[in-house]
Amino acid sequence: MRTYDLAGVGIGPMNLGLAALAAPLDDVTCVFLDQRDGFSWHPGMLIEGTTLQVPFLADLVTMADPTSPYSFLAWLKETGRLYPFYIRESFYPLRAEYDAYCRWAAGRLAEAAPGMLRWGRRVTAVEYDAGGDAYVLTARIAGPDGVTEEKYRAKHLVLGTGTTPRLPAELRDLAGAGPVVHTGDYLPNREALTASGAVTVVGSGQSAGEVYRDLLDGLTTGPGGTSPYRLDWVTRSSRFFPMEYTKLTLEMTSPEYTDHYVALPQDLRDRLGREQRNLHKGMSGDLIDDIYDTLYRKSALGTPLPTTLLTDCEVTAARLDPHGAGGTGEYVLTLRHGQTGRQTEHRTRAVVAATGYTPTTSEFLAPVLDRLDLDPRGRLVVRRDYTVDTDRRVFVAGGEEHTHGVTAPDLGFAPWRASVILARVTGREPYPIERRIAFQTFGLDSPESPDPVPAGAPASRPHAVATTPAATETTR
């Protein structure tokens, strides 16, 4: 059996970018496995007109290798869209464009490196072969003749299994009146949602805002007009808050801040993670303004618009009233206002839950859990170099928010992570790794986090200006 230098589980944007950066290297062999039939990026949220919250430079490869043939600009050029994108004068690609770009990159990789990406393979177990000093992956393939198994050997692993939609327990078992779906399943259910007659969006953040804005288009007002459905938006957040996007704040997606964050105690990191929600979980300011402008425009005729926006309201319970809405049934959501403590009941016939995602449970790791480091809450302890085992051979690509902070989900920082992983695997630095890019200093002392580049690898130095530490704390 062939032994690869690196095997990846899951082919989302993080591992797809890693594969694209590994493909041109002669001194590393890779294979990536995914249970899906092909690449797909949040298909339920590819609402027409929605954009990424990061610039096009945050593609799969550019921040590690601007000359890569797998860049977003290379895709635009090959598809004849480079000049239209240039004339559009927006740094932010459409979500549908990003999905199409990633699928193009996967197809191009399949041609340039046949067998590197292997779809339709569900990894069921990872075991460690002590005699061969390698990890053995078992993958199941469902075919027309039944289920078969394949095995793969690799010296290093990278876990990129991503996240799964999280539906709160209060909403999980609702059924009978109309659809109750997560935003990840919005588009396939949009027609059923609007046909229900009353839709409530629960949650906040970009996904909630995009769904509300999309459904808002269907509301009608005016003399003699009757809207086909009612639309409400409920969030436990104290306000409909924007994602903070000022430039000094963006420096928190930097190697230096990540060094600082990793060196903090885990209980402090957990608290900071909650406090820093608006750094990557808020809405874009443009979306908030567009929602307001749409509400203003639709209410201009003076006819009440059938919609309500409620902040600081938590859904504490939910039930089906089979006799509601004229006997056809409706859902009753118990809302508790955080500031006043008052409770009320909100009736609706359909729910869209914008309640986030949770890391995918990797049950296939059970045979090697004794080789991995876990914290008291059962989470992987991710070191600065993204390894989770004492041998420094098992990496994570995403899902390390509890240890690395805001850079973990950031698409623009993913190529930096991939560069570190490839440096560890090859023992050299195939792509220059920036150590210092920020003007500000985080913390009064230099962090004790180790350099993520392996010993003996050539040290690259950035061309960015590095400031001297300030006499006082310069962070917010």
Protein backbone atom coordinates (compact mmCIF):
# COMPACT_ATOMS: atom_id res chain seq x y z
CA MET A 1 0.00 0.00 0.00
CA ARG A 2 1.33 3.44 -0.92
CA THR A 3 2.24 5.74 1.94
CA TYR A 4 1.39 9.39 1.35
CA ASP A 5 3.13 12.25 3.06
CA LEU A 6 -0.22 13.83 3.90
CA ALA A 7 -3.82 12.65 3.94
CA GLY A 8 -6.71 15.05 4.40
CA VAL A 9 -10.21 14.25 5.62
CA GLY A 10 -12.82 16.61 4.20
CA ILE A 11 -12.54 18.86 1.16
CA GLY A 12 -13.97 22.22 2.08
CA PRO A 13 -12.30 25.53 1.22
CA MET A 14 -9.57 25.01 3.84
CA ASN A 15 -8.37 21.61 2.61
CA LEU A 16 -9.06 22.48 -1.04
CA GLY A 17 -6.69 25.43 -0.68
CA LEU A 18 -4.12 23.20 1.01
CA ALA A 19 -4.39 20.74 -1.87
CA ALA A 20 -3.96 23.53 -4.44
CA LEU A 21 -0.82 24.75 -2.69
CA ALA A 22 0.56 21.23 -2.32
CA ALA A 23 -0.06 20.22 -5.95
CA PRO A 24 2.98 22.02 -7.46
CA LEU A 25 5.41 20.68 -4.83
CA ASP A 26 7.63 17.77 -5.86
CA ASP A 27 8.57 16.72 -2.33
CA VAL A 28 5.09 16.03 -0.92
CA THR A 29 2.46 13.49 -1.90
CA CYS A 30 -1.13 14.06 -0.80
CA VAL A 31 -4.57 12.56 -0.95
CA PHE A 32 -7.80 14.19 0.24
CA LEU A 33 -11.03 12.28 0.92
CA ASP A 34 -14.61 13.57 1.12
CA GLN A 35 -17.92 11.76 1.43
CA ARG A 36 -19.71 14.10 -1.00
CA ASP A 37 -19.80 13.53 -4.75
CA GLY A 38 -18.10 16.86 -5.49
CA PHE A 39 -17.34 20.27 -4.09
CA SER A 40 -20.26 22.30 -2.79
CA TRP A 41 -20.09 25.39 -0.59
CA HIS A 42 -23.23 26.24 1.41
CA PRO A 43 -25.61 25.61 -1.51
CA GLY A 44 -28.62 26.50 0.62
CA MET A 45 -27.35 30.07 1.05
CA LEU A 46 -26.31 30.97 -2.49
CA ILE A 47 -28.95 33.68 -2.62
CA GLU A 48 -28.75 35.78 -5.74
CA GLY A 49 -26.78 38.97 -5.19
CA THR A 50 -25.22 38.01 -1.84
CA THR A 51 -21.48 38.51 -1.50
CA LEU A 52 -18.62 37.27 0.63
CA GLN A 53 -17.63 39.36 3.63
CA VAL A 54 -13.96 39.16 2.64
CA PRO A 55 -12.19 40.50 -0.47
CA PHE A 56 -11.35 38.33 -3.47
CA LEU A 57 -7.73 38.11 -2.26
CA ALA A 58 -9.06 35.72 0.40
CA ASP A 59 -9.31 32.95 -2.17
CA LEU A 60 -7.81 29.48 -1.84
CA VAL A 61 -4.19 30.38 -2.54
CA THR A 62 -3.36 34.04 -3.23
CA MET A 63 -2.24 35.04 0.27
CA ALA A 64 0.34 32.24 0.13
CA ASP A 65 1.17 32.33 -3.59
CA PRO A 66 -0.10 35.25 -5.69
CA THR A 67 1.24 33.50 -8.82
CA SER A 68 -0.77 30.31 -8.30
CA PRO A 69 -2.79 29.02 -11.27
CA TYR A 70 -5.58 28.24 -8.78
CA SER A 71 -6.35 31.86 -7.85
CA PHE A 72 -9.70 33.61 -8.13
CA LEU A 73 -8.25 35.96 -10.74
CA ALA A 74 -7.06 32.95 -12.79
CA TRP A 75 -10.63 31.63 -12.71
CA LEU A 76 -12.01 35.00 -13.80
CA LYS A 77 -9.54 35.11 -16.68
CA GLU A 78 -10.28 31.57 -17.85
CA THR A 79 -14.04 32.16 -17.73
CA GLY A 80 -13.87 35.53 -19.48
CA ARG A 81 -15.07 37.48 -16.46
CA LEU A 82 -11.90 39.33 -15.48
CA TYR A 83 -12.79 42.61 -17.20
CA PRO A 84 -16.41 42.62 -15.98
CA PHE A 85 -15.11 42.03 -12.44
CA TYR A 86 -12.63 44.89 -12.92
CA ILE A 87 -15.31 47.25 -14.18
CA ARG A 88 -17.64 46.27 -11.31
CA GLU A 89 -15.08 47.82 -8.91
CA SER A 90 -15.92 45.73 -5.88
CA PHE A 91 -13.44 43.65 -3.93
CA TYR A 92 -16.20 41.32 -2.72
CA PRO A 93 -17.12 38.35 -4.95
CA LEU A 94 -20.64 37.05 -5.15
CA ARG A 95 -21.23 33.94 -3.06
CA ALA A 96 -22.26 32.06 -6.20
CA GLU A 97 -19.01 33.18 -7.85
CA TYR A 98 -16.95 31.86 -4.96
CA ASP A 99 -18.70 28.50 -5.10
CA ALA A 100 -18.18 28.29 -8.88
CA TYR A 101 -14.53 29.28 -8.44
CA CYS A 102 -13.91 26.55 -5.86
CA ARG A 103 -15.58 23.94 -8.06
CA TRP A 104 -13.37 25.11 -10.96
CA ALA A 105 -10.27 24.79 -8.77
CA ALA A 106 -11.29 21.26 -7.76
CA GLY A 107 -11.76 20.34 -11.42
CA ARG A 108 -8.44 21.82 -12.37
CA LEU A 109 -6.72 19.90 -9.56
CA ALA A 110 -8.32 16.69 -10.81
CA GLU A 111 -6.63 17.28 -14.17
CA ALA A 112 -3.26 18.45 -12.84
CA ALA A 113 -2.97 15.95 -9.97
CA PRO A 114 -5.19 12.94 -10.75
CA GLY A 115 -6.20 11.05 -7.62
CA MET A 116 -5.34 13.84 -5.17
CA LEU A 117 -9.01 14.65 -4.56
CA ARG A 118 -11.18 11.58 -4.02
CA TRP A 119 -14.90 12.12 -3.68
CA GLY A 120 -17.62 9.74 -2.51
CA ARG A 121 -15.41 8.33 0.23
CA ARG A 122 -16.62 8.46 3.81
CA VAL A 123 -13.82 7.98 6.30
CA THR A 124 -15.02 5.59 9.00
CA ALA A 125 -11.81 4.98 10.97
CA VAL A 126 -8.29 6.28 11.43
CA GLU A 127 -5.82 3.90 13.04
CA TYR A 128 -2.14 4.15 13.85
CA ASP A 129 0.21 1.49 12.51
CA ALA A 130 3.11 1.49 14.99
CA GLY A 131 5.20 -0.90 12.90
CA GLY A 132 4.96 1.27 9.80
CA ASP A 133 4.81 4.52 11.78
CA ALA A 134 1.88 5.72 9.71
CA TYR A 135 -1.81 6.43 9.97
CA VAL A 136 -4.22 4.13 8.14
CA LEU A 137 -7.54 5.55 6.97
CA THR A 138 -10.52 3.36 6.14
CA ALA A 139 -13.03 4.85 3.70
CA ARG A 140 -16.35 3.45 2.56
CA ILE A 141 -17.63 3.89 -0.99
CA ALA A 142 -21.29 3.37 -1.81
CA GLY A 143 -21.64 2.08 -5.37
CA PRO A 144 -24.25 0.37 -7.52
CA ASP A 145 -22.97 -3.02 -6.37
CA GLY A 146 -22.98 -2.17 -2.69
CA VAL A 147 -20.51 -0.70 -0.22
CA THR A 148 -16.80 -1.28 -0.65
CA GLU A 149 -13.84 -0.16 1.45
CA GLU A 150 -10.50 1.43 0.63
CA LYS A 151 -7.52 2.00 2.86
CA TYR A 152 -4.97 4.80 2.71
CA ARG A 153 -1.68 5.21 4.56
CA ALA A 154 -0.12 8.56 5.41
CA LYS A 155 2.64 9.98 7.59
CA HIS A 156 0.60 13.07 8.41
CA LEU A 157 -3.11 13.83 8.73
CA VAL A 158 -5.04 17.05 8.31
CA LEU A 159 -8.60 17.21 9.61
CA GLY A 160 -10.87 19.49 7.60
CA THR A 161 -14.28 18.06 8.36
CA GLY A 162 -15.87 21.48 8.77
CA THR A 163 -19.05 22.17 10.67
CA THR A 164 -22.68 21.09 10.70
CA PRO A 165 -25.80 23.25 11.14
CA ARG A 166 -26.82 23.73 14.76
CA LEU A 167 -30.54 23.74 15.51
CA PRO A 168 -31.44 24.65 19.12
CA ALA A 169 -33.27 22.01 21.12
CA GLU A 170 -36.33 24.30 21.40
CA LEU A 171 -36.77 24.16 17.61
CA ARG A 172 -35.45 20.69 16.87
CA ASP A 173 -38.65 18.67 17.20
CA LEU A 174 -41.14 21.15 15.78
CA ALA A 175 -43.29 19.72 13.00
CA GLY A 176 -46.79 19.90 11.67
CA ALA A 177 -47.51 23.49 10.69
CA GLY A 178 -44.80 24.33 8.19
CA PRO A 179 -41.08 24.03 7.53
CA VAL A 180 -38.58 24.54 10.35
CA VAL A 181 -35.17 24.77 8.70
CA HIS A 182 -31.65 25.97 9.33
CA THR A 183 -30.34 28.73 7.08
CA GLY A 184 -28.07 26.12 5.51
CA ASP A 185 -31.20 24.58 3.98
CA TYR A 186 -32.93 27.84 3.12
CA LEU A 187 -33.02 27.88 -0.68
CA PRO A 188 -34.48 24.38 -1.18
CA ASN A 189 -37.27 25.32 1.25
CA ARG A 190 -37.90 28.94 0.24
CA GLU A 191 -41.08 28.19 -1.70
CA ALA A 192 -42.57 26.18 1.18
CA LEU A 193 -41.59 28.91 3.64
CA THR A 194 -43.33 31.67 1.72
CA ALA A 195 -46.36 29.47 1.06
CA SER A 196 -46.83 28.93 4.79
CA GLY A 197 -48.23 32.43 5.26
CA ALA A 198 -46.01 33.44 8.21
CA VAL A 199 -42.23 33.11 8.49
CA THR A 200 -40.04 33.92 11.48
CA VAL A 201 -36.28 34.23 11.21
CA VAL A 202 -34.54 33.37 14.50
CA GLY A 203 -30.97 34.46 15.08
CA SER A 204 -28.59 37.15 13.94
CA GLY A 205 -25.52 37.50 11.79
CA GLN A 206 -24.98 37.62 8.05
CA SER A 207 -27.03 34.53 7.21
CA ALA A 208 -30.05 35.79 9.16
CA GLY A 209 -29.79 39.16 7.48
CA GLU A 210 -29.51 37.68 4.00
CA VAL A 211 -32.54 35.43 4.52
CA TYR A 212 -34.62 38.26 5.98
CA ARG A 213 -33.63 40.58 3.12
CA ASP A 214 -34.48 37.92 0.54
CA LEU A 215 -37.90 37.25 2.06
CA LEU A 216 -38.51 40.97 2.46
CA ASP A 217 -38.74 41.31 -1.31
CA GLY A 218 -41.89 39.21 -1.28
CA LEU A 219 -43.82 41.48 1.08
CA THR A 220 -46.28 43.80 -0.65
CA THR A 221 -48.05 46.93 0.52
CA GLY A 222 -50.20 49.62 -0.98
CA PRO A 223 -53.89 50.31 -1.52
CA GLY A 224 -55.76 47.06 -1.90
CA GLY A 225 -52.57 45.02 -1.63
CA THR A 226 -52.36 41.95 0.55
CA SER A 227 -48.98 40.49 1.37
CA PRO A 228 -48.70 36.74 0.66
CA TYR A 229 -47.06 36.15 4.03
CA ARG A 230 -45.98 37.77 7.25
CA LEU A 231 -42.28 38.07 8.05
CA ASP A 232 -40.73 38.52 11.50
CA TRP A 233 -37.15 38.56 12.75
CA VAL A 234 -36.21 37.63 16.32
CA THR A 235 -32.71 37.71 17.81
CA ARG A 236 -31.40 37.39 21.34
CA SER A 237 -28.61 39.85 20.47
CA SER A 238 -29.10 43.29 21.97
CA ARG A 239 -29.05 44.85 18.49
CA PHE A 240 -28.69 44.00 14.82
CA PHE A 241 -24.97 44.53 14.97
CA PRO A 242 -22.47 44.96 12.12
CA MET A 243 -19.28 42.99 11.76
CA GLU A 244 -16.47 45.30 12.82
CA TYR A 245 -14.35 45.99 9.79
CA THR A 246 -11.99 48.81 10.74
CA LYS A 247 -8.38 48.37 9.72
CA LEU A 248 -6.68 48.24 13.12
CA THR A 249 -9.28 45.71 14.23
CA LEU A 250 -8.57 43.65 11.11
CA GLU A 251 -4.97 43.37 12.35
CA MET A 252 -6.36 40.84 14.82
CA THR A 253 -6.40 38.42 11.87
CA SER A 254 -2.63 38.41 12.00
CA PRO A 255 0.16 36.03 13.02
CA GLU A 256 1.04 38.29 15.97
CA TYR A 257 -2.46 38.35 17.44
CA THR A 258 -2.76 34.61 16.94
CA ASP A 259 0.55 34.17 18.82
CA HIS A 260 -0.86 36.31 21.62
CA TYR A 261 -4.21 34.49 21.68
CA VAL A 262 -2.70 30.98 21.69
CA ALA A 263 -0.51 31.89 24.68
CA LEU A 264 -3.52 32.86 26.84
CA PRO A 265 -5.15 30.45 29.32
CA GLN A 266 -8.04 28.49 27.82
CA ASP A 267 -10.67 29.97 30.16
CA LEU A 268 -9.63 33.46 29.06
CA ARG A 269 -9.72 32.41 25.40
CA ASP A 270 -13.25 31.07 25.87
CA ARG A 271 -14.37 34.40 27.34
CA LEU A 272 -12.67 36.40 24.59
CA GLY A 273 -14.30 34.19 21.97
CA ARG A 274 -17.72 35.21 23.28
CA GLU A 275 -16.77 38.88 23.51
CA GLN A 276 -15.35 38.98 20.00
CA ARG A 277 -18.48 37.78 18.20
CA ASN A 278 -18.85 41.05 16.32
CA LEU A 279 -15.42 40.58 14.74
CA HIS A 280 -16.64 37.77 12.49
CA LYS A 281 -20.29 36.96 13.26
CA GLY A 282 -22.01 40.27 12.60
CA MET A 283 -23.63 41.50 9.42
CA SER A 284 -22.01 43.69 6.82
CA GLY A 285 -22.89 47.35 7.19
CA ASP A 286 -24.09 47.43 3.60
CA LEU A 287 -26.59 44.65 4.29
CA ILE A 288 -27.96 46.41 7.36
CA ASP A 289 -28.37 49.63 5.40
CA ASP A 290 -30.01 47.76 2.50
CA ILE A 291 -32.53 46.16 4.86
CA TYR A 292 -33.42 49.54 6.33
CA ASP A 293 -33.69 51.19 2.93
CA THR A 294 -35.94 48.38 1.71
CA LEU A 295 -38.18 48.70 4.76
CA TYR A 296 -38.35 52.45 4.20
CA ARG A 297 -39.16 52.09 0.52
CA LYS A 298 -41.84 49.45 1.08
CA SER A 299 -43.49 51.50 3.85
CA ALA A 300 -43.45 54.76 1.88
CA LEU A 301 -47.12 54.47 0.89
CA GLY A 302 -48.15 54.49 4.52
CA THR A 303 -49.63 51.00 4.57
CA PRO A 304 -48.39 48.95 7.54
CA LEU A 305 -45.78 46.42 6.45
CA PRO A 306 -46.45 42.92 7.86
CA THR A 307 -43.09 42.54 9.55
CA THR A 308 -41.58 43.01 13.02
CA LEU A 309 -37.96 43.08 14.13
CA LEU A 310 -37.35 42.06 17.75
CA THR A 311 -33.98 42.33 19.50
CA ASP A 312 -32.86 41.01 22.89
CA CYS A 313 -35.51 38.30 22.66
CA GLU A 314 -34.51 34.70 23.30
CA VAL A 315 -36.61 31.72 22.25
CA THR A 316 -36.96 29.78 25.49
CA ALA A 317 -39.62 27.28 24.37
CA ALA A 318 -41.58 26.29 21.29
CA ARG A 319 -44.61 24.12 20.65
CA LEU A 320 -47.16 23.26 17.98
CA ASP A 321 -50.70 24.54 18.41
CA PRO A 322 -52.65 22.22 16.08
CA HIS A 323 -55.77 24.40 16.39
CA GLY A 324 -54.06 27.69 15.55
CA ALA A 325 -54.38 29.63 12.28
CA GLY A 326 -57.94 28.52 11.70
CA GLY A 327 -57.32 24.90 12.53
CA THR A 328 -54.39 24.37 10.17
CA GLY A 329 -51.86 24.64 12.98
CA GLU A 330 -49.11 27.08 13.89
CA TYR A 331 -46.01 27.25 16.04
CA VAL A 332 -45.96 29.14 19.33
CA LEU A 333 -42.56 30.50 20.31
CA THR A 334 -42.05 31.70 23.88
CA LEU A 335 -39.88 34.81 23.81
CA ARG A 336 -38.07 36.23 26.83
CA HIS A 337 -36.80 39.81 26.68
CA GLY A 338 -33.32 40.01 28.15
CA GLN A 339 -33.52 43.54 29.53
CA THR A 340 -37.00 43.48 31.05
CA GLY A 341 -37.39 39.79 31.77
CA ARG A 342 -40.91 39.85 30.32
CA GLN A 343 -42.21 36.89 28.35
CA THR A 344 -44.63 36.70 25.45
CA GLU A 345 -45.82 34.22 22.87
CA HIS A 346 -45.11 34.68 19.18
CA ARG A 347 -47.12 32.74 16.60
CA THR A 348 -45.78 31.69 13.22
CA ARG A 349 -46.19 28.94 10.66
CA ALA A 350 -42.58 28.51 9.58
CA VAL A 351 -39.16 29.11 11.12
CA VAL A 352 -35.73 29.77 9.65
CA ALA A 353 -33.02 29.25 12.27
CA ALA A 354 -29.88 31.31 11.78
CA THR A 355 -28.32 29.67 14.80
CA GLY A 356 -24.83 28.92 13.57
CA TYR A 357 -22.78 25.80 13.13
CA THR A 358 -21.00 23.37 15.38
CA PRO A 359 -17.77 21.44 14.66
CA THR A 360 -18.43 18.10 13.01
CA THR A 361 -18.04 15.16 15.38
CA SER A 362 -15.15 13.07 14.09
CA GLU A 363 -16.12 9.64 15.34
CA PHE A 364 -13.60 8.08 12.98
CA LEU A 365 -10.84 9.35 15.30
CA ALA A 366 -11.91 7.02 18.13
CA PRO A 367 -9.09 4.48 17.49
CA VAL A 368 -6.40 7.20 17.85
CA LEU A 369 -7.88 9.39 20.58
CA ASP A 370 -5.10 8.26 22.91
CA ARG A 371 -2.63 9.96 20.57
CA LEU A 372 -4.50 13.27 20.53
CA ASP A 373 -4.62 16.03 23.12
CA LEU A 374 -8.07 16.96 24.45
CA ASP A 375 -9.11 19.66 26.89
CA PRO A 376 -11.55 19.03 29.79
CA ARG A 377 -14.46 19.83 27.47
CA GLY A 378 -13.38 17.17 24.99
CA ARG A 379 -12.09 19.65 22.41
CA LEU A 380 -8.86 19.15 20.54
CA VAL A 381 -5.96 21.12 22.02
CA VAL A 382 -4.57 22.82 18.92
CA ARG A 383 -1.00 24.05 19.14
CA ARG A 384 0.31 27.13 17.42
CA ASP A 385 1.40 25.03 14.41
CA TYR A 386 -2.12 23.51 14.15
CA THR A 387 -1.05 20.09 15.44
CA VAL A 388 -3.12 18.18 17.98
CA ASP A 389 -0.80 15.27 18.82
CA THR A 390 2.51 14.98 20.62
CA ASP A 391 4.26 13.80 17.45
CA ARG A 392 3.21 16.96 15.59
CA ARG A 393 1.81 14.98 12.68
CA VAL A 394 -1.95 15.48 12.97
CA PHE A 395 -3.21 18.92 11.94
CA VAL A 396 -6.56 20.69 11.91
CA ALA A 397 -7.69 22.95 9.07
CA GLY A 398 -10.53 24.91 10.63
CA GLY A 399 -12.39 24.37 13.88
CA GLU A 400 -9.61 25.77 16.09
CA GLU A 401 -11.48 28.93 17.05
CA HIS A 402 -11.30 28.00 20.74
CA THR A 403 -7.49 28.02 20.61
CA HIS A 404 -6.60 30.41 17.76
CA GLY A 405 -9.41 32.94 17.86
CA VAL A 406 -10.71 34.97 14.96
CA THR A 407 -8.17 33.67 12.42
CA ALA A 408 -9.63 30.14 12.59
CA PRO A 409 -12.71 30.74 10.38
CA ASP A 410 -11.10 33.51 8.30
CA LEU A 411 -10.80 32.52 4.63
CA GLY A 412 -7.97 34.99 4.09
CA PHE A 413 -5.85 33.39 6.81
CA ALA A 414 -6.37 29.84 5.53
CA PRO A 415 -3.44 30.01 3.05
CA TRP A 416 -1.19 31.07 5.94
CA ARG A 417 -2.28 28.00 7.90
CA ALA A 418 -1.72 25.83 4.81
CA SER A 419 1.78 27.27 4.44
CA VAL A 420 2.59 26.32 8.03
CA ILE A 421 1.26 22.79 7.56
CA LEU A 422 3.26 22.29 4.37
CA ALA A 423 6.38 23.63 6.09
CA ARG A 424 5.93 21.06 8.85
CA VAL A 425 5.37 18.23 6.41
CA THR A 426 8.24 19.05 4.04
CA GLY A 427 10.77 20.35 6.56
CA ARG A 428 11.22 23.48 4.50
CA GLU A 429 9.23 26.60 3.74
CA PRO A 430 7.67 26.20 0.27
CA TYR A 431 5.72 29.43 0.69
CA PRO A 432 7.06 32.42 2.67
CA ILE A 433 5.44 32.60 6.09
CA GLU A 434 4.95 36.10 7.46
CA ARG A 435 5.74 36.38 11.16
CA ARG A 436 5.05 40.07 11.65
CA ILE A 437 2.51 42.08 9.67
CA ALA A 438 0.76 44.26 12.26
CA PHE A 439 1.57 47.83 13.23
CA GLN A 440 0.29 47.30 16.75
CA THR A 441 1.55 45.13 19.58
CA PHE A 442 -0.72 42.68 21.41
CA GLY A 443 0.13 42.26 25.08
CA LEU A 444 2.96 43.75 27.10
CA ASP A 445 5.27 40.78 26.73
CA SER A 446 6.30 38.78 23.70
CA PRO A 447 4.20 35.61 23.52
CA GLU A 448 5.80 32.32 24.39
CA SER A 449 4.20 30.54 21.43
CA PRO A 450 6.73 28.64 19.34
CA ASP A 451 7.54 29.61 15.79
CA PRO A 452 5.23 27.47 13.60
CA VAL A 453 8.02 26.90 11.07
CA PRO A 454 9.98 23.67 11.68
CA ALA A 455 13.53 23.80 12.89
CA GLY A 456 16.00 24.02 10.05
CA ALA A 457 13.57 25.63 7.63
CA PRO A 458 14.77 28.89 6.06
CA ALA A 459 13.36 31.87 7.89
CA SER A 460 11.48 34.26 5.66
CA ARG A 461 11.04 37.82 6.77
CA PRO A 462 8.16 40.02 5.69
CA HIS A 463 8.56 43.23 3.80
CA ALA A 464 5.88 44.91 5.93
CA VAL A 465 6.84 47.54 8.47
CA ALA A 466 7.31 46.11 11.96
CA THR A 467 6.76 48.59 14.78
CA THR A 468 8.55 48.47 18.10
CA PRO A 469 6.53 47.46 21.15
CA ALA A 470 4.59 50.33 22.65
CA ALA A 471 5.05 51.46 26.25
CA THR A 472 1.38 50.77 26.96
CA GLU A 473 -1.18 48.26 25.79
CA THR A 474 -2.33 49.24 22.31
CA THR A 475 -5.22 46.83 21.80
CA ARG A 476 -8.82 47.85 22.25
